[in-house]
Protein backbone atom coordinates (compact mmCIF):
# COMPACT_ATOMS: atom_id res chain seq x y z
CA UNK A 1 24.25 -6.06 -113.86
CA UNK A 2 26.23 -5.77 -110.62
CA UNK A 3 28.71 -3.43 -112.27
CA UNK A 4 25.89 -1.12 -113.33
CA UNK A 5 24.52 -0.98 -109.80
CA UNK A 6 27.94 -0.17 -108.35
CA UNK A 7 28.47 2.55 -110.99
CA UNK A 8 25.03 4.01 -110.22
CA UNK A 9 25.81 3.95 -106.49
CA UNK A 10 29.09 5.81 -107.03
CA UNK A 11 27.40 8.32 -109.34
CA UNK A 12 24.66 8.98 -106.77
CA UNK A 13 27.31 9.60 -104.08
CA UNK A 14 29.02 12.15 -106.32
CA UNK A 15 25.73 13.95 -107.02
CA UNK A 16 24.76 13.94 -103.32
CA UNK A 17 28.17 15.29 -102.33
CA UNK A 18 27.87 18.12 -104.86
CA UNK A 19 24.31 18.89 -103.76
CA UNK A 20 25.04 19.06 -100.04
CA UNK A 21 28.50 20.68 -100.18
CA UNK A 22 27.09 24.25 -99.91
CA UNK A 23 25.10 23.25 -96.83
CA UNK A 24 28.18 21.72 -95.23
CA UNK A 25 30.21 24.83 -96.01
CA UNK A 26 27.53 27.08 -94.49
CA UNK A 27 27.40 24.98 -91.31
CA UNK A 28 31.21 25.03 -91.10
CA UNK A 29 31.37 28.83 -91.48
CA UNK A 30 28.48 29.31 -89.05
CA UNK A 31 30.13 27.30 -86.29
CA UNK A 32 33.60 28.73 -86.99
CA UNK A 33 32.52 32.37 -86.57
CA UNK A 34 30.45 31.91 -83.39
CA UNK A 35 27.04 32.07 -84.99
CA UNK A 36 27.87 34.65 -87.67
CA UNK A 37 27.97 32.70 -90.91
CA UNK A 38 29.90 35.19 -93.02
CA UNK A 39 31.57 37.46 -90.48
CA UNK A 40 30.49 40.99 -89.71
CA UNK A 41 27.78 42.15 -92.08
CA UNK A 42 25.66 45.27 -92.03
CA UNK A 43 22.02 44.23 -91.68
CA UNK A 44 20.61 47.47 -93.09
CA UNK A 45 22.82 47.78 -96.16
CA UNK A 46 24.11 51.20 -95.16
CA UNK A 47 27.52 50.71 -96.71
CA UNK A 48 28.27 52.74 -99.81
CA UNK A 49 28.50 50.94 -103.11
CA UNK A 50 29.38 52.04 -106.62
CA UNK A 51 26.31 50.28 -107.98
CA UNK A 52 23.99 51.84 -105.38
CA UNK A 53 25.45 55.30 -105.97
CA UNK A 54 25.03 54.90 -109.73
CA UNK A 55 21.43 53.70 -109.34
CA UNK A 56 20.60 56.64 -107.07
CA UNK A 57 22.10 59.07 -109.58
CA UNK A 58 20.11 57.53 -112.44
CA UNK A 59 16.88 57.66 -110.44
CA UNK A 60 17.49 61.28 -109.47
CA UNK A 61 18.25 62.17 -113.11
CA UNK A 62 15.08 60.48 -114.38
CA UNK A 63 12.96 62.19 -111.71
CA UNK A 64 14.48 65.55 -112.62
CA UNK A 65 13.79 64.97 -116.35
CA UNK A 66 10.21 63.88 -115.68
CA UNK A 67 9.45 67.01 -113.62
CA UNK A 68 10.37 69.30 -116.53
């Protein structure tokens, strides 16, 4: 009985550590970079991206085909 309780206690510690590890990492990165959790990011998403360019081309193509 005591062995089962100790095993359950250890298992719960492992689960809690895995569950709260992302939060700890976020807090660590936030304090490390002076309040910017993941460095310099663009808040408006103005950077070019292959996926965004492809999506814009597909949307423009579909609009052009629908107008005909």
